[in-house]
N, C-alpha and C. Protein backbone atom coordinates (compact mmCIF):
# COMPACT_ATOMS: atom_id res chain seq x y z
N MET A 1 -1.56 14.58 12.69
CA MET A 1 -1.96 15.97 12.88
C MET A 1 -1.76 16.76 11.59
N MET A 2 -0.61 16.55 10.92
CA MET A 2 -0.32 17.32 9.71
C MET A 2 -1.38 17.06 8.64
N LEU A 3 -1.80 15.82 8.49
CA LEU A 3 -2.80 15.51 7.46
C LEU A 3 -4.15 16.10 7.81
N THR A 4 -4.44 16.26 9.09
CA THR A 4 -5.69 16.88 9.49
C THR A 4 -5.76 18.30 8.96
N LEU A 5 -4.63 18.94 8.80
CA LEU A 5 -4.58 20.30 8.30
C LEU A 5 -4.83 20.38 6.80
N LEU A 6 -4.85 19.26 6.11
CA LEU A 6 -5.00 19.27 4.66
C LEU A 6 -6.26 20.01 4.22
N LEU A 7 -7.35 19.80 4.90
CA LEU A 7 -8.60 20.45 4.50
C LEU A 7 -8.48 21.96 4.50
N ALA A 8 -7.66 22.50 5.36
CA ALA A 8 -7.49 23.94 5.40
C ALA A 8 -6.78 24.45 4.16
N GLY A 9 -6.00 23.59 3.53
CA GLY A 9 -5.18 24.03 2.42
C GLY A 9 -5.84 24.07 1.07
N VAL A 10 -6.96 23.43 0.91
CA VAL A 10 -7.57 23.42 -0.40
C VAL A 10 -8.58 24.56 -0.48
N ALA A 11 -8.07 25.75 -0.63
CA ALA A 11 -8.90 26.96 -0.64
C ALA A 11 -8.86 27.59 -2.02
N ALA A 12 -9.30 28.83 -2.09
CA ALA A 12 -9.27 29.54 -3.37
C ALA A 12 -7.86 29.57 -3.90
N ALA A 13 -7.74 29.63 -5.21
CA ALA A 13 -6.46 29.71 -5.90
C ALA A 13 -5.66 28.41 -5.80
N GLN A 14 -6.34 27.30 -5.71
CA GLN A 14 -5.64 26.03 -5.75
C GLN A 14 -5.04 25.85 -7.14
N ASP A 15 -3.97 25.08 -7.18
CA ASP A 15 -3.42 24.65 -8.46
C ASP A 15 -4.15 23.35 -8.79
N VAL A 16 -5.08 23.41 -9.73
CA VAL A 16 -5.90 22.25 -10.07
C VAL A 16 -5.51 21.76 -11.46
N GLN A 17 -5.30 20.45 -11.56
CA GLN A 17 -4.94 19.84 -12.83
C GLN A 17 -5.82 18.61 -13.06
N TYR A 18 -5.96 18.24 -14.33
CA TYR A 18 -6.68 17.01 -14.63
C TYR A 18 -6.10 16.40 -15.91
N ASN A 19 -6.34 15.11 -16.05
CA ASN A 19 -5.93 14.38 -17.24
C ASN A 19 -6.93 13.24 -17.43
N PHE A 20 -7.10 12.81 -18.68
CA PHE A 20 -8.06 11.74 -18.94
C PHE A 20 -7.66 10.99 -20.19
N ASP A 21 -8.21 9.80 -20.34
CA ASP A 21 -8.00 8.96 -21.51
C ASP A 21 -8.90 9.47 -22.63
N GLN A 22 -8.32 10.01 -23.67
CA GLN A 22 -9.09 10.63 -24.75
C GLN A 22 -9.81 9.61 -25.62
N GLN A 23 -9.51 8.34 -25.47
CA GLN A 23 -10.17 7.29 -26.26
C GLN A 23 -11.44 6.76 -25.60
N VAL A 24 -11.73 7.23 -24.39
CA VAL A 24 -12.85 6.69 -23.61
C VAL A 24 -14.11 7.51 -23.82
N ASP A 25 -15.23 6.81 -23.95
CA ASP A 25 -16.54 7.45 -24.03
C ASP A 25 -17.08 7.58 -22.61
N PHE A 26 -16.95 8.74 -22.02
CA PHE A 26 -17.35 8.96 -20.63
C PHE A 26 -18.86 8.95 -20.44
N SER A 27 -19.63 9.07 -21.50
CA SER A 27 -21.09 9.06 -21.38
C SER A 27 -21.62 7.70 -20.92
N ARG A 28 -20.81 6.66 -21.04
CA ARG A 28 -21.28 5.33 -20.64
C ARG A 28 -21.13 5.08 -19.13
N PHE A 29 -20.45 5.99 -18.43
CA PHE A 29 -20.27 5.82 -16.98
C PHE A 29 -21.45 6.44 -16.24
N LYS A 30 -22.15 5.61 -15.49
CA LYS A 30 -23.32 6.06 -14.73
C LYS A 30 -23.18 5.81 -13.23
N THR A 31 -22.40 4.79 -12.85
CA THR A 31 -22.27 4.42 -11.44
C THR A 31 -20.81 4.34 -11.04
N TYR A 32 -20.57 4.52 -9.75
CA TYR A 32 -19.21 4.37 -9.23
C TYR A 32 -19.25 3.70 -7.86
N LYS A 33 -18.13 3.08 -7.55
CA LYS A 33 -17.94 2.44 -6.25
C LYS A 33 -16.60 2.92 -5.70
N TRP A 34 -16.58 3.22 -4.41
CA TRP A 34 -15.33 3.64 -3.79
C TRP A 34 -14.37 2.47 -3.69
N ALA A 35 -13.11 2.75 -3.98
CA ALA A 35 -12.05 1.75 -3.87
C ALA A 35 -10.87 2.39 -3.16
N GLU A 36 -10.24 1.62 -2.31
CA GLU A 36 -9.07 2.13 -1.61
C GLU A 36 -7.85 2.00 -2.51
N ILE A 37 -7.06 3.04 -2.57
CA ILE A 37 -5.84 3.01 -3.38
C ILE A 37 -4.73 2.43 -2.52
N PRO A 38 -4.15 1.29 -2.95
CA PRO A 38 -3.10 0.65 -2.15
C PRO A 38 -1.91 1.59 -1.96
N GLY A 39 -1.40 1.60 -0.74
CA GLY A 39 -0.22 2.40 -0.44
C GLY A 39 -0.51 3.85 -0.13
N GLY A 40 -1.77 4.26 -0.20
CA GLY A 40 -2.12 5.64 0.09
C GLY A 40 -1.99 5.94 1.58
N GLN A 41 -1.78 7.22 1.90
CA GLN A 41 -1.68 7.62 3.30
C GLN A 41 -3.02 7.44 3.98
N LYS A 42 -2.99 6.95 5.19
CA LYS A 42 -4.21 6.75 5.98
C LYS A 42 -4.53 8.02 6.76
N LEU A 43 -5.81 8.37 6.77
CA LEU A 43 -6.28 9.51 7.52
C LEU A 43 -7.21 9.04 8.62
N ASP A 44 -7.49 9.92 9.57
CA ASP A 44 -8.47 9.55 10.59
C ASP A 44 -9.85 9.44 9.94
N ASP A 45 -10.74 8.72 10.59
CA ASP A 45 -12.07 8.45 10.03
C ASP A 45 -12.86 9.72 9.75
N LEU A 46 -12.77 10.70 10.62
CA LEU A 46 -13.53 11.94 10.44
C LEU A 46 -13.10 12.67 9.17
N LEU A 47 -11.82 12.82 8.99
CA LEU A 47 -11.31 13.51 7.80
C LEU A 47 -11.61 12.70 6.53
N SER A 48 -11.49 11.40 6.60
CA SER A 48 -11.81 10.55 5.45
C SER A 48 -13.27 10.71 5.04
N ARG A 49 -14.17 10.77 6.03
CA ARG A 49 -15.61 10.96 5.72
C ARG A 49 -15.86 12.32 5.07
N HIS A 50 -15.19 13.35 5.58
CA HIS A 50 -15.36 14.69 4.99
C HIS A 50 -14.95 14.70 3.52
N ILE A 51 -13.83 14.08 3.22
CA ILE A 51 -13.34 14.04 1.84
C ILE A 51 -14.29 13.22 0.97
N ARG A 52 -14.67 12.06 1.44
CA ARG A 52 -15.55 11.19 0.67
C ARG A 52 -16.92 11.85 0.44
N ASP A 53 -17.46 12.50 1.47
CA ASP A 53 -18.75 13.19 1.33
C ASP A 53 -18.67 14.31 0.31
N ALA A 54 -17.57 15.04 0.32
CA ALA A 54 -17.40 16.14 -0.65
C ALA A 54 -17.34 15.57 -2.07
N PHE A 55 -16.61 14.48 -2.27
CA PHE A 55 -16.56 13.87 -3.60
C PHE A 55 -17.91 13.26 -3.99
N ASP A 56 -18.62 12.64 -3.04
CA ASP A 56 -19.95 12.10 -3.34
C ASP A 56 -20.86 13.20 -3.87
N ALA A 57 -20.85 14.35 -3.22
CA ALA A 57 -21.70 15.47 -3.66
C ALA A 57 -21.27 15.96 -5.04
N GLY A 58 -19.96 16.08 -5.26
CA GLY A 58 -19.46 16.54 -6.56
C GLY A 58 -19.75 15.56 -7.68
N LEU A 59 -19.59 14.28 -7.42
CA LEU A 59 -19.85 13.26 -8.44
C LEU A 59 -21.35 13.18 -8.75
N ALA A 60 -22.20 13.36 -7.74
CA ALA A 60 -23.65 13.37 -7.96
C ALA A 60 -24.04 14.53 -8.88
N LYS A 61 -23.40 15.69 -8.70
CA LYS A 61 -23.67 16.84 -9.57
C LYS A 61 -23.31 16.53 -11.02
N LYS A 62 -22.38 15.62 -11.21
CA LYS A 62 -21.94 15.24 -12.55
C LYS A 62 -22.74 14.07 -13.11
N GLY A 63 -23.77 13.64 -12.39
CA GLY A 63 -24.66 12.59 -12.90
C GLY A 63 -24.24 11.18 -12.56
N LEU A 64 -23.26 11.01 -11.68
CA LEU A 64 -22.83 9.66 -11.30
C LEU A 64 -23.54 9.24 -10.01
N THR A 65 -23.91 7.96 -9.95
CA THR A 65 -24.61 7.41 -8.79
C THR A 65 -23.69 6.46 -8.06
N LYS A 66 -23.59 6.65 -6.75
CA LYS A 66 -22.76 5.77 -5.93
C LYS A 66 -23.47 4.45 -5.70
N THR A 67 -22.70 3.37 -5.72
CA THR A 67 -23.22 2.03 -5.46
C THR A 67 -22.18 1.24 -4.69
N ASP A 68 -22.62 0.19 -4.04
CA ASP A 68 -21.70 -0.72 -3.38
C ASP A 68 -21.48 -1.98 -4.21
N ALA A 69 -22.13 -2.05 -5.37
CA ALA A 69 -22.05 -3.23 -6.23
C ALA A 69 -20.72 -3.28 -6.98
N ASP A 70 -20.17 -4.46 -7.11
CA ASP A 70 -18.94 -4.64 -7.87
C ASP A 70 -19.16 -4.39 -9.36
N SER A 71 -20.40 -4.32 -9.78
CA SER A 71 -20.71 -4.09 -11.19
C SER A 71 -20.70 -2.60 -11.55
N ALA A 72 -20.21 -1.75 -10.66
CA ALA A 72 -20.16 -0.30 -10.94
C ALA A 72 -19.35 -0.04 -12.21
N ASP A 73 -19.68 1.05 -12.90
CA ASP A 73 -18.96 1.42 -14.11
C ASP A 73 -17.54 1.92 -13.81
N LEU A 74 -17.39 2.59 -12.68
CA LEU A 74 -16.11 3.16 -12.28
C LEU A 74 -15.76 2.76 -10.85
N TYR A 75 -14.48 2.53 -10.61
CA TYR A 75 -13.97 2.47 -9.25
C TYR A 75 -13.29 3.81 -9.03
N VAL A 76 -13.60 4.45 -7.91
CA VAL A 76 -13.09 5.78 -7.62
C VAL A 76 -12.30 5.73 -6.32
N GLY A 77 -11.15 6.38 -6.33
CA GLY A 77 -10.32 6.44 -5.13
C GLY A 77 -9.66 7.80 -5.01
N TRP A 78 -9.27 8.15 -3.79
CA TRP A 78 -8.59 9.43 -3.57
C TRP A 78 -7.37 9.21 -2.70
N GLN A 79 -6.45 10.14 -2.78
CA GLN A 79 -5.22 10.11 -1.99
C GLN A 79 -4.89 11.53 -1.53
N VAL A 80 -4.13 11.64 -0.47
CA VAL A 80 -3.64 12.94 -0.02
C VAL A 80 -2.14 12.87 0.21
N ALA A 81 -1.52 14.03 0.13
CA ALA A 81 -0.10 14.15 0.46
C ALA A 81 0.14 15.54 1.04
N VAL A 82 1.05 15.63 1.98
CA VAL A 82 1.46 16.91 2.54
C VAL A 82 2.97 16.98 2.44
N ASN A 83 3.44 18.07 1.82
CA ASN A 83 4.88 18.30 1.68
C ASN A 83 5.25 19.58 2.40
N GLN A 84 6.53 19.65 2.77
CA GLN A 84 7.04 20.85 3.42
C GLN A 84 8.01 21.56 2.49
N GLU A 85 7.89 22.88 2.46
CA GLU A 85 8.84 23.70 1.71
C GLU A 85 9.37 24.77 2.64
N LYS A 86 10.57 25.22 2.38
CA LYS A 86 11.17 26.29 3.16
C LYS A 86 10.99 27.61 2.42
N GLU A 87 10.66 28.64 3.17
CA GLU A 87 10.53 29.98 2.61
C GLU A 87 11.58 30.85 3.28
N LEU A 88 12.31 31.61 2.48
CA LEU A 88 13.34 32.51 2.99
C LEU A 88 12.85 33.94 2.81
N THR A 89 12.80 34.68 3.89
CA THR A 89 12.41 36.08 3.85
C THR A 89 13.61 36.90 4.32
N ALA A 90 14.11 37.76 3.44
CA ALA A 90 15.29 38.58 3.78
C ALA A 90 14.87 40.01 4.03
N TYR A 91 15.49 40.61 5.01
CA TYR A 91 15.24 42.00 5.35
C TYR A 91 16.57 42.74 5.30
N GLY A 92 16.55 43.94 4.76
CA GLY A 92 17.78 44.74 4.69
C GLY A 92 17.55 46.08 5.35
N THR A 93 18.67 46.73 5.74
CA THR A 93 18.56 48.04 6.38
C THR A 93 18.92 49.15 5.42
N GLY A 94 19.17 48.84 4.18
CA GLY A 94 19.50 49.88 3.21
C GLY A 94 20.80 49.56 2.51
N TRP A 95 21.24 50.50 1.73
CA TRP A 95 22.43 50.29 0.91
C TRP A 95 23.71 50.64 1.64
N GLY A 96 23.65 51.23 2.77
CA GLY A 96 24.89 51.62 3.46
C GLY A 96 25.49 52.83 2.78
N TYR A 97 26.81 52.98 2.86
CA TYR A 97 27.40 54.12 2.20
C TYR A 97 28.45 53.68 1.22
N GLY A 98 28.74 54.54 0.32
CA GLY A 98 29.69 54.25 -0.74
C GLY A 98 29.08 54.57 -2.07
N PRO A 99 29.90 54.86 -3.08
CA PRO A 99 29.39 55.23 -4.39
C PRO A 99 28.80 54.04 -5.14
N GLY A 100 27.81 54.33 -5.98
CA GLY A 100 27.24 53.30 -6.86
C GLY A 100 26.62 52.15 -6.11
N TRP A 101 26.86 50.94 -6.65
CA TRP A 101 26.25 49.74 -6.09
C TRP A 101 27.11 49.08 -5.03
N ARG A 102 28.21 49.72 -4.63
CA ARG A 102 29.13 49.07 -3.69
C ARG A 102 28.75 49.29 -2.23
N GLY A 103 27.60 49.84 -2.00
CA GLY A 103 27.21 50.11 -0.62
C GLY A 103 27.06 48.83 0.17
N SER A 104 27.21 48.92 1.46
CA SER A 104 27.04 47.74 2.30
C SER A 104 26.05 48.08 3.39
N GLY A 105 25.04 47.29 3.54
CA GLY A 105 24.03 47.50 4.57
C GLY A 105 23.91 46.28 5.45
N MET A 106 23.23 46.42 6.52
CA MET A 106 23.01 45.30 7.43
C MET A 106 21.75 44.57 6.95
N GLY A 107 21.73 43.29 7.06
CA GLY A 107 20.57 42.52 6.65
C GLY A 107 20.39 41.31 7.52
N THR A 108 19.21 40.74 7.45
CA THR A 108 18.92 39.53 8.19
C THR A 108 17.95 38.68 7.36
N ALA A 109 17.91 37.41 7.62
CA ALA A 109 17.01 36.52 6.89
C ALA A 109 16.32 35.60 7.89
N LYS A 110 15.11 35.26 7.55
CA LYS A 110 14.30 34.37 8.39
C LYS A 110 13.76 33.25 7.52
N THR A 111 13.82 32.03 8.01
CA THR A 111 13.23 30.90 7.27
C THR A 111 11.99 30.42 8.00
N SER A 112 11.04 29.93 7.23
CA SER A 112 9.84 29.34 7.81
C SER A 112 9.43 28.14 6.96
N THR A 113 8.71 27.25 7.57
CA THR A 113 8.24 26.05 6.88
C THR A 113 6.82 26.27 6.40
N ILE A 114 6.58 25.95 5.14
CA ILE A 114 5.25 26.06 4.54
C ILE A 114 4.76 24.66 4.23
N LEU A 115 3.52 24.37 4.59
CA LEU A 115 2.94 23.07 4.30
C LEU A 115 2.11 23.17 3.02
N ILE A 116 2.35 22.24 2.10
CA ILE A 116 1.64 22.19 0.83
C ILE A 116 0.82 20.90 0.80
N GLY A 117 -0.49 21.03 0.65
CA GLY A 117 -1.37 19.87 0.62
C GLY A 117 -1.82 19.55 -0.79
N THR A 118 -1.91 18.27 -1.12
CA THR A 118 -2.39 17.82 -2.43
C THR A 118 -3.46 16.76 -2.22
N LEU A 119 -4.55 16.91 -2.94
CA LEU A 119 -5.65 15.96 -2.94
C LEU A 119 -5.81 15.45 -4.37
N VAL A 120 -5.82 14.11 -4.55
CA VAL A 120 -5.88 13.50 -5.88
C VAL A 120 -7.11 12.59 -5.96
N LEU A 121 -7.82 12.65 -7.09
CA LEU A 121 -8.96 11.77 -7.36
C LEU A 121 -8.66 10.96 -8.60
N ASP A 122 -8.79 9.63 -8.50
CA ASP A 122 -8.59 8.72 -9.63
C ASP A 122 -9.89 7.98 -9.93
N MET A 123 -10.18 7.80 -11.24
CA MET A 123 -11.34 7.02 -11.68
C MET A 123 -10.85 5.92 -12.62
N TYR A 124 -11.25 4.70 -12.31
CA TYR A 124 -10.84 3.53 -13.09
C TYR A 124 -12.04 2.91 -13.78
N ASP A 125 -11.91 2.64 -15.06
CA ASP A 125 -12.93 1.93 -15.84
C ASP A 125 -12.89 0.46 -15.40
N THR A 126 -13.99 -0.03 -14.83
CA THR A 126 -13.99 -1.40 -14.32
C THR A 126 -14.01 -2.42 -15.45
N GLN A 127 -14.56 -2.05 -16.59
CA GLN A 127 -14.63 -2.97 -17.72
C GLN A 127 -13.24 -3.21 -18.31
N ASN A 128 -12.47 -2.15 -18.51
CA ASN A 128 -11.14 -2.27 -19.12
C ASN A 128 -10.00 -2.29 -18.10
N LYS A 129 -10.35 -2.09 -16.83
CA LYS A 129 -9.36 -2.09 -15.74
C LYS A 129 -8.23 -1.09 -16.00
N GLN A 130 -8.62 0.14 -16.37
CA GLN A 130 -7.65 1.19 -16.67
C GLN A 130 -8.05 2.50 -16.01
N LEU A 131 -7.03 3.27 -15.64
CA LEU A 131 -7.25 4.62 -15.16
C LEU A 131 -7.75 5.47 -16.33
N VAL A 132 -8.90 6.15 -16.14
CA VAL A 132 -9.46 6.95 -17.22
C VAL A 132 -9.53 8.44 -16.88
N TRP A 133 -9.43 8.79 -15.59
CA TRP A 133 -9.52 10.19 -15.17
C TRP A 133 -8.68 10.39 -13.92
N ARG A 134 -7.95 11.49 -13.88
CA ARG A 134 -7.21 11.88 -12.67
C ARG A 134 -7.27 13.39 -12.56
N SER A 135 -7.59 13.86 -11.37
CA SER A 135 -7.54 15.29 -11.10
C SER A 135 -6.88 15.50 -9.74
N SER A 136 -6.27 16.68 -9.58
CA SER A 136 -5.59 16.99 -8.32
C SER A 136 -5.73 18.48 -8.01
N ALA A 137 -5.71 18.78 -6.73
CA ALA A 137 -5.70 20.16 -6.25
C ALA A 137 -4.57 20.29 -5.26
N THR A 138 -3.74 21.32 -5.44
CA THR A 138 -2.60 21.57 -4.56
C THR A 138 -2.67 23.00 -4.06
N LYS A 139 -2.41 23.19 -2.77
CA LYS A 139 -2.51 24.51 -2.18
C LYS A 139 -1.72 24.58 -0.89
N THR A 140 -1.23 25.77 -0.58
CA THR A 140 -0.61 26.01 0.71
C THR A 140 -1.65 25.83 1.80
N ILE A 141 -1.29 25.16 2.86
CA ILE A 141 -2.23 24.86 3.93
C ILE A 141 -2.32 26.02 4.91
N ASP A 142 -3.54 26.44 5.19
CA ASP A 142 -3.81 27.47 6.19
C ASP A 142 -4.05 26.75 7.51
N THR A 143 -3.05 26.75 8.37
CA THR A 143 -3.15 26.00 9.63
C THR A 143 -4.10 26.65 10.62
N ASN A 144 -4.56 27.86 10.34
CA ASN A 144 -5.45 28.57 11.26
C ASN A 144 -6.92 28.46 10.87
N ALA A 145 -7.25 27.77 9.79
CA ALA A 145 -8.64 27.67 9.34
C ALA A 145 -9.47 26.83 10.31
N ASN A 146 -10.72 27.25 10.54
CA ASN A 146 -11.61 26.48 11.42
C ASN A 146 -12.29 25.37 10.61
N PRO A 147 -12.95 24.41 11.28
CA PRO A 147 -13.56 23.28 10.57
C PRO A 147 -14.58 23.69 9.51
N GLU A 148 -15.38 24.73 9.76
CA GLU A 148 -16.36 25.16 8.78
C GLU A 148 -15.68 25.67 7.51
N LYS A 149 -14.63 26.45 7.69
CA LYS A 149 -13.89 26.97 6.54
C LYS A 149 -13.22 25.83 5.78
N ARG A 150 -12.70 24.85 6.50
CA ARG A 150 -12.07 23.70 5.86
C ARG A 150 -13.07 22.96 4.98
N SER A 151 -14.28 22.73 5.50
CA SER A 151 -15.31 22.02 4.72
C SER A 151 -15.70 22.82 3.49
N LYS A 152 -15.87 24.12 3.64
CA LYS A 152 -16.22 24.97 2.51
C LYS A 152 -15.11 24.96 1.46
N ASN A 153 -13.87 25.05 1.91
CA ASN A 153 -12.74 25.03 0.98
C ASN A 153 -12.60 23.68 0.28
N LEU A 154 -12.89 22.60 1.00
CA LEU A 154 -12.84 21.27 0.39
C LEU A 154 -13.89 21.16 -0.71
N ALA A 155 -15.09 21.65 -0.45
CA ALA A 155 -16.15 21.61 -1.47
C ALA A 155 -15.74 22.40 -2.71
N LYS A 156 -15.11 23.56 -2.51
CA LYS A 156 -14.65 24.36 -3.65
C LYS A 156 -13.58 23.60 -4.44
N ALA A 157 -12.68 22.95 -3.72
CA ALA A 157 -11.62 22.20 -4.40
C ALA A 157 -12.20 21.07 -5.23
N VAL A 158 -13.16 20.33 -4.67
CA VAL A 158 -13.79 19.22 -5.39
C VAL A 158 -14.51 19.75 -6.63
N ASP A 159 -15.22 20.86 -6.50
CA ASP A 159 -15.90 21.44 -7.66
C ASP A 159 -14.89 21.78 -8.76
N LYS A 160 -13.77 22.34 -8.39
CA LYS A 160 -12.74 22.68 -9.38
C LYS A 160 -12.12 21.43 -9.98
N MET A 161 -11.92 20.39 -9.15
CA MET A 161 -11.31 19.16 -9.64
C MET A 161 -12.22 18.45 -10.64
N LEU A 162 -13.54 18.62 -10.48
CA LEU A 162 -14.50 17.94 -11.36
C LEU A 162 -15.09 18.87 -12.41
N LYS A 163 -14.60 20.09 -12.49
CA LYS A 163 -15.15 21.09 -13.41
C LYS A 163 -15.19 20.57 -14.84
N ASN A 164 -14.18 19.86 -15.28
CA ASN A 164 -14.10 19.40 -16.68
C ASN A 164 -14.52 17.94 -16.85
N TYR A 165 -15.21 17.39 -15.84
CA TYR A 165 -15.74 16.04 -15.95
C TYR A 165 -17.22 16.12 -16.26
N PRO A 166 -17.74 15.34 -17.18
CA PRO A 166 -16.99 14.51 -18.13
C PRO A 166 -16.35 15.41 -19.19
N PRO A 167 -15.21 14.96 -19.71
CA PRO A 167 -14.54 15.79 -20.72
C PRO A 167 -15.37 15.90 -21.99
N LYS A 168 -15.23 17.04 -22.61
CA LYS A 168 -15.95 17.25 -23.87
C LYS A 168 -15.25 16.48 -24.99
N LYS A 169 -16.06 16.01 -25.93
CA LYS A 169 -15.50 15.23 -27.06
C LYS A 169 -14.81 16.13 -28.04
């Protein structure tokens, strides 16, 4: 259930990062094949298709063609992770009485759990068998988002993750 909420979390203001092998000529990559990343978290089929479809659309915009052939230029895989963080919200009733900063007031604090979702895309050069590109998007998950909003937010995240692909020389 928690991973199903991941799509809601990749919305505007994601923390998006990327890294790449600066020695690689990315202009030679024309095709890609999906590859499963060993040890990655498993998602339900519906969510997996949504993620894969969003990446297929984003990669096509970048000039890459999907293939099922082992002779693809790139093997591409994705992973997800959901982490929990605690948020502390403190409320006070004022400074109380007393001179200067020595006042004493009544206060209360409330903790809540925040879900943080991360989506990672890896591209491997099949010729050299090396990771050549990695991008990730991390965002607080909106557990109230509907499926349409989740799909729209996922597409935005993928666009941001691929914004600098291929890297400029």
